[in-house]
Amino acid sequence: MAAVTAALNVITLIAAVFVLRLGHGLIALVSVSALAGTITVLFCIFLARKTLTLSFSDVSAVFCKKMLTDCFPLMILGFLGILYFRFDIILLSKLKTYTDVGIYNASYKIMDSF
């Protein structure tokens, strides 16, 4: 699954560079990213359906509630981790224009692909 995600990130990067080289703007770049995300989700669903045999009747409401309450601290930890690693974008948005933040975030996304 990690190999699939990495491959799709590389394809997204190539498509983003191609779109930018053609002279399209931020909307086209966001469209490429949204399309790549959609393809990734659909491919993951396809792989999960081929490898897993879980049906919705196997999942109980009590189990889901227990999982949500047990995993809540991990969810908060993940949220704080995202804030920690993306605080530069929040700070930059207070100091610069949205265009500058968009360019910075686009380059950040390219580096995340690697």
N, C-alpha and C. Protein backbone atom coordinates (compact mmCIF):
# COMPACT_ATOMS: atom_id res chain seq x y z
N MET A 1 0.81 -1.18 0.00
CA MET A 1 0.00 0.00 0.00
C MET A 1 0.87 1.26 0.00
N ALA A 2 1.98 1.22 0.72
CA ALA A 2 2.89 2.37 0.75
C ALA A 2 3.49 2.61 -0.64
N ALA A 3 3.78 1.54 -1.34
CA ALA A 3 4.33 1.68 -2.69
C ALA A 3 3.31 2.32 -3.63
N VAL A 4 2.06 1.97 -3.47
CA VAL A 4 1.00 2.57 -4.29
C VAL A 4 0.88 4.06 -4.00
N THR A 5 0.89 4.41 -2.72
CA THR A 5 0.80 5.82 -2.33
C THR A 5 2.00 6.59 -2.84
N ALA A 6 3.19 6.02 -2.72
CA ALA A 6 4.39 6.70 -3.22
C ALA A 6 4.33 6.89 -4.73
N ALA A 7 3.88 5.86 -5.44
CA ALA A 7 3.78 5.97 -6.90
C ALA A 7 2.76 7.03 -7.30
N LEU A 8 1.63 7.07 -6.61
CA LEU A 8 0.63 8.08 -6.92
C LEU A 8 1.12 9.49 -6.57
N ASN A 9 1.94 9.62 -5.53
CA ASN A 9 2.53 10.92 -5.20
C ASN A 9 3.49 11.38 -6.30
N VAL A 10 4.27 10.45 -6.84
CA VAL A 10 5.19 10.80 -7.92
C VAL A 10 4.41 11.20 -9.17
N ILE A 11 3.35 10.46 -9.48
CA ILE A 11 2.52 10.81 -10.63
C ILE A 11 1.88 12.18 -10.43
N THR A 12 1.42 12.46 -9.21
CA THR A 12 0.84 13.76 -8.90
C THR A 12 1.87 14.87 -9.08
N LEU A 13 3.07 14.63 -8.63
CA LEU A 13 4.14 15.61 -8.77
C LEU A 13 4.43 15.89 -10.24
N ILE A 14 4.52 14.85 -11.04
CA ILE A 14 4.79 15.02 -12.48
C ILE A 14 3.64 15.78 -13.14
N ALA A 15 2.40 15.42 -12.79
CA ALA A 15 1.24 16.11 -13.37
C ALA A 15 1.20 17.57 -12.93
N ALA A 16 1.56 17.85 -11.68
CA ALA A 16 1.56 19.23 -11.19
C ALA A 16 2.61 20.06 -11.91
N VAL A 17 3.79 19.51 -12.09
CA VAL A 17 4.85 20.23 -12.82
C VAL A 17 4.42 20.46 -14.27
N PHE A 18 3.81 19.46 -14.88
CA PHE A 18 3.34 19.58 -16.26
C PHE A 18 2.29 20.69 -16.38
N VAL A 19 1.34 20.72 -15.44
CA VAL A 19 0.29 21.73 -15.47
C VAL A 19 0.89 23.12 -15.28
N LEU A 20 1.84 23.25 -14.38
CA LEU A 20 2.48 24.55 -14.16
C LEU A 20 3.32 24.98 -15.36
N ARG A 21 3.98 24.03 -16.00
CA ARG A 21 4.78 24.36 -17.19
C ARG A 21 3.91 24.81 -18.36
N LEU A 22 2.68 24.34 -18.41
CA LEU A 22 1.75 24.77 -19.45
C LEU A 22 1.21 26.17 -19.18
N GLY A 23 1.51 26.70 -18.00
CA GLY A 23 1.09 28.06 -17.69
C GLY A 23 -0.23 28.17 -16.95
N HIS A 24 -0.78 27.05 -16.52
CA HIS A 24 -2.03 27.09 -15.77
C HIS A 24 -1.73 27.54 -14.35
N GLY A 25 -2.73 28.02 -13.68
CA GLY A 25 -2.54 28.60 -12.36
C GLY A 25 -2.85 27.65 -11.22
N LEU A 26 -3.18 28.27 -10.11
CA LEU A 26 -3.40 27.56 -8.87
C LEU A 26 -4.62 26.65 -8.92
N ILE A 27 -5.66 27.09 -9.61
CA ILE A 27 -6.88 26.27 -9.71
C ILE A 27 -6.59 24.95 -10.40
N ALA A 28 -5.80 24.96 -11.45
CA ALA A 28 -5.43 23.73 -12.15
C ALA A 28 -4.58 22.84 -11.25
N LEU A 29 -3.70 23.46 -10.48
CA LEU A 29 -2.85 22.69 -9.57
C LEU A 29 -3.68 22.01 -8.48
N VAL A 30 -4.66 22.73 -7.95
CA VAL A 30 -5.55 22.15 -6.95
C VAL A 30 -6.40 21.05 -7.58
N SER A 31 -6.81 21.25 -8.82
CA SER A 31 -7.59 20.22 -9.51
C SER A 31 -6.80 18.94 -9.69
N VAL A 32 -5.52 19.07 -10.03
CA VAL A 32 -4.65 17.89 -10.16
C VAL A 32 -4.54 17.18 -8.83
N SER A 33 -4.37 17.93 -7.76
CA SER A 33 -4.26 17.35 -6.43
C SER A 33 -5.55 16.65 -6.02
N ALA A 34 -6.69 17.27 -6.29
CA ALA A 34 -7.98 16.66 -5.95
C ALA A 34 -8.22 15.40 -6.76
N LEU A 35 -7.87 15.42 -8.03
CA LEU A 35 -8.02 14.24 -8.88
C LEU A 35 -7.12 13.10 -8.39
N ALA A 36 -5.90 13.42 -8.04
CA ALA A 36 -4.98 12.40 -7.53
C ALA A 36 -5.49 11.82 -6.21
N GLY A 37 -6.03 12.66 -5.34
CA GLY A 37 -6.59 12.17 -4.08
C GLY A 37 -7.78 11.25 -4.32
N THR A 38 -8.62 11.60 -5.27
CA THR A 38 -9.77 10.77 -5.60
C THR A 38 -9.34 9.43 -6.16
N ILE A 39 -8.36 9.45 -7.04
CA ILE A 39 -7.85 8.20 -7.61
C ILE A 39 -7.23 7.33 -6.52
N THR A 40 -6.51 7.95 -5.60
CA THR A 40 -5.89 7.20 -4.50
C THR A 40 -6.95 6.52 -3.65
N VAL A 41 -8.00 7.26 -3.28
CA VAL A 41 -9.06 6.69 -2.45
C VAL A 41 -9.77 5.54 -3.18
N LEU A 42 -10.08 5.75 -4.44
CA LEU A 42 -10.76 4.69 -5.21
C LEU A 42 -9.89 3.45 -5.34
N PHE A 43 -8.59 3.65 -5.57
CA PHE A 43 -7.69 2.50 -5.68
C PHE A 43 -7.57 1.77 -4.35
N CYS A 44 -7.49 2.50 -3.25
CA CYS A 44 -7.41 1.87 -1.94
C CYS A 44 -8.69 1.09 -1.61
N ILE A 45 -9.84 1.65 -1.99
CA ILE A 45 -11.10 0.93 -1.78
C ILE A 45 -11.10 -0.35 -2.62
N PHE A 46 -10.63 -0.25 -3.86
CA PHE A 46 -10.56 -1.42 -4.73
C PHE A 46 -9.66 -2.50 -4.12
N LEU A 47 -8.48 -2.11 -3.62
CA LEU A 47 -7.58 -3.08 -3.00
C LEU A 47 -8.18 -3.67 -1.72
N ALA A 48 -8.83 -2.84 -0.94
CA ALA A 48 -9.42 -3.32 0.31
C ALA A 48 -10.53 -4.32 0.04
N ARG A 49 -11.34 -4.06 -0.97
CA ARG A 49 -12.43 -4.98 -1.28
C ARG A 49 -11.91 -6.31 -1.81
N LYS A 50 -10.74 -6.30 -2.46
CA LYS A 50 -10.17 -7.55 -2.97
C LYS A 50 -9.51 -8.38 -1.86
N THR A 51 -8.99 -7.70 -0.84
CA THR A 51 -8.23 -8.42 0.19
C THR A 51 -9.01 -8.64 1.48
N LEU A 52 -9.99 -7.80 1.79
CA LEU A 52 -10.75 -7.94 3.03
C LEU A 52 -12.13 -8.51 2.76
N THR A 53 -12.60 -9.29 3.71
CA THR A 53 -13.94 -9.86 3.57
C THR A 53 -14.81 -9.39 4.74
N LEU A 54 -14.73 -8.14 5.08
CA LEU A 54 -15.49 -7.57 6.18
C LEU A 54 -16.80 -7.00 5.64
N SER A 55 -17.89 -7.34 6.30
CA SER A 55 -19.17 -6.76 5.92
C SER A 55 -19.65 -5.84 7.04
N PHE A 56 -20.56 -4.97 6.72
CA PHE A 56 -21.05 -4.02 7.73
C PHE A 56 -21.83 -4.72 8.84
N SER A 57 -22.32 -5.90 8.60
CA SER A 57 -23.05 -6.63 9.64
C SER A 57 -22.10 -7.14 10.72
N ASP A 58 -20.79 -7.21 10.42
CA ASP A 58 -19.81 -7.65 11.40
C ASP A 58 -19.42 -6.55 12.39
N VAL A 59 -19.78 -5.31 12.11
CA VAL A 59 -19.39 -4.18 12.94
C VAL A 59 -20.56 -3.81 13.84
N SER A 60 -20.29 -3.76 15.14
CA SER A 60 -21.36 -3.40 16.07
C SER A 60 -21.19 -1.96 16.54
N ALA A 61 -22.29 -1.36 16.94
CA ALA A 61 -22.27 0.03 17.43
C ALA A 61 -21.48 0.13 18.73
N VAL A 62 -21.56 -0.88 19.58
CA VAL A 62 -20.82 -0.87 20.85
C VAL A 62 -19.32 -0.88 20.58
N PHE A 63 -18.89 -1.69 19.62
CA PHE A 63 -17.48 -1.75 19.27
C PHE A 63 -17.00 -0.41 18.71
N CYS A 64 -17.80 0.19 17.85
CA CYS A 64 -17.42 1.48 17.27
C CYS A 64 -17.30 2.55 18.35
N LYS A 65 -18.24 2.59 19.28
CA LYS A 65 -18.19 3.57 20.36
C LYS A 65 -16.96 3.35 21.22
N LYS A 66 -16.65 2.11 21.53
CA LYS A 66 -15.46 1.81 22.34
C LYS A 66 -14.19 2.22 21.61
N MET A 67 -14.13 1.95 20.31
CA MET A 67 -12.95 2.34 19.53
C MET A 67 -12.78 3.85 19.50
N LEU A 68 -13.87 4.58 19.33
CA LEU A 68 -13.80 6.04 19.30
C LEU A 68 -13.33 6.60 20.64
N THR A 69 -13.85 6.07 21.73
CA THR A 69 -13.42 6.59 23.04
C THR A 69 -11.99 6.16 23.36
N ASP A 70 -11.60 4.97 22.97
CA ASP A 70 -10.23 4.52 23.23
C ASP A 70 -9.21 5.25 22.37
N CYS A 71 -9.59 5.60 21.16
CA CYS A 71 -8.65 6.22 20.22
C CYS A 71 -8.67 7.75 20.26
N PHE A 72 -9.54 8.34 21.06
CA PHE A 72 -9.63 9.79 21.11
C PHE A 72 -8.31 10.46 21.48
N PRO A 73 -7.57 9.96 22.48
CA PRO A 73 -6.26 10.59 22.77
C PRO A 73 -5.29 10.53 21.60
N LEU A 74 -5.31 9.45 20.83
CA LEU A 74 -4.44 9.36 19.66
C LEU A 74 -4.87 10.34 18.58
N MET A 75 -6.18 10.56 18.46
CA MET A 75 -6.67 11.54 17.50
C MET A 75 -6.19 12.94 17.87
N ILE A 76 -6.27 13.28 19.15
CA ILE A 76 -5.79 14.59 19.61
C ILE A 76 -4.29 14.71 19.39
N LEU A 77 -3.56 13.65 19.65
CA LEU A 77 -2.11 13.65 19.43
C LEU A 77 -1.79 13.85 17.95
N GLY A 78 -2.51 13.21 17.08
CA GLY A 78 -2.31 13.39 15.64
C GLY A 78 -2.62 14.81 15.20
N PHE A 79 -3.70 15.37 15.74
CA PHE A 79 -4.06 16.75 15.41
C PHE A 79 -2.98 17.72 15.88
N LEU A 80 -2.47 17.53 17.09
CA LEU A 80 -1.41 18.40 17.59
C LEU A 80 -0.12 18.23 16.78
N GLY A 81 0.14 17.02 16.32
CA GLY A 81 1.31 16.79 15.47
C GLY A 81 1.20 17.53 14.15
N ILE A 82 0.01 17.53 13.57
CA ILE A 82 -0.20 18.27 12.32
C ILE A 82 -0.01 19.76 12.57
N LEU A 83 -0.56 20.26 13.67
CA LEU A 83 -0.36 21.68 13.99
C LEU A 83 1.12 22.00 14.18
N TYR A 84 1.85 21.12 14.83
CA TYR A 84 3.26 21.35 15.08
C TYR A 84 4.06 21.42 13.78
N PHE A 85 3.79 20.48 12.88
CA PHE A 85 4.56 20.42 11.64
C PHE A 85 4.07 21.40 10.58
N ARG A 86 2.89 21.96 10.76
CA ARG A 86 2.36 22.93 9.79
C ARG A 86 2.20 24.32 10.39
N PHE A 87 2.77 24.56 11.55
CA PHE A 87 2.63 25.86 12.19
C PHE A 87 3.26 26.97 11.35
N ASP A 88 4.28 26.63 10.57
CA ASP A 88 4.90 27.63 9.71
C ASP A 88 3.92 28.20 8.70
N ILE A 89 3.01 27.37 8.21
CA ILE A 89 2.02 27.84 7.25
C ILE A 89 1.02 28.76 7.94
N ILE A 90 0.62 28.40 9.16
CA ILE A 90 -0.30 29.26 9.91
C ILE A 90 0.35 30.61 10.20
N LEU A 91 1.60 30.59 10.62
CA LEU A 91 2.32 31.83 10.91
C LEU A 91 2.51 32.66 9.65
N LEU A 92 2.87 32.02 8.56
CA LEU A 92 3.07 32.73 7.31
C LEU A 92 1.77 33.38 6.81
N SER A 93 0.64 32.72 7.08
CA SER A 93 -0.64 33.29 6.64
C SER A 93 -0.97 34.58 7.38
N LYS A 94 -0.42 34.77 8.56
CA LYS A 94 -0.63 36.01 9.31
C LYS A 94 0.33 37.11 8.87
N LEU A 95 1.45 36.72 8.24
CA LEU A 95 2.48 37.69 7.88
C LEU A 95 2.48 38.07 6.40
N LYS A 96 2.00 37.18 5.54
CA LYS A 96 2.06 37.40 4.09
C LYS A 96 0.69 37.25 3.48
N THR A 97 0.62 37.42 2.15
CA THR A 97 -0.64 37.30 1.44
C THR A 97 -0.98 35.83 1.19
N TYR A 98 -2.22 35.59 0.79
CA TYR A 98 -2.65 34.22 0.49
C TYR A 98 -1.89 33.64 -0.69
N THR A 99 -1.49 34.46 -1.62
CA THR A 99 -0.71 33.99 -2.77
C THR A 99 0.64 33.46 -2.31
N ASP A 100 1.30 34.20 -1.42
CA ASP A 100 2.59 33.75 -0.89
C ASP A 100 2.45 32.45 -0.13
N VAL A 101 1.39 32.34 0.66
CA VAL A 101 1.16 31.11 1.42
C VAL A 101 0.88 29.95 0.47
N GLY A 102 0.12 30.20 -0.60
CA GLY A 102 -0.17 29.15 -1.58
C GLY A 102 1.08 28.65 -2.28
N ILE A 103 1.97 29.57 -2.65
CA ILE A 103 3.22 29.17 -3.29
C ILE A 103 4.08 28.37 -2.33
N TYR A 104 4.15 28.83 -1.08
CA TYR A 104 4.93 28.12 -0.07
C TYR A 104 4.35 26.72 0.18
N ASN A 105 3.03 26.64 0.28
CA ASN A 105 2.39 25.36 0.54
C ASN A 105 2.53 24.41 -0.65
N ALA A 106 2.50 24.95 -1.88
CA ALA A 106 2.67 24.11 -3.07
C ALA A 106 4.07 23.50 -3.08
N SER A 107 5.07 24.31 -2.75
CA SER A 107 6.42 23.77 -2.70
C SER A 107 6.58 22.77 -1.56
N TYR A 108 5.88 23.01 -0.47
CA TYR A 108 5.89 22.09 0.66
C TYR A 108 5.29 20.75 0.24
N LYS A 109 4.20 20.78 -0.52
CA LYS A 109 3.57 19.56 -1.00
C LYS A 109 4.49 18.78 -1.93
N ILE A 110 5.24 19.50 -2.78
CA ILE A 110 6.19 18.83 -3.66
C ILE A 110 7.25 18.12 -2.85
N MET A 111 7.75 18.78 -1.82
CA MET A 111 8.78 18.16 -0.97
C MET A 111 8.20 16.99 -0.18
N ASP A 112 6.91 17.07 0.21
CA ASP A 112 6.27 15.95 0.90
C ASP A 112 6.20 14.71 0.03
N SER A 113 6.11 14.91 -1.28
CA SER A 113 6.03 13.77 -2.19
C SER A 113 7.32 12.96 -2.17
N PHE A 114 8.43 13.64 -1.93
CA PHE A 114 9.69 12.93 -1.87
C PHE A 114 9.87 12.27 -0.53
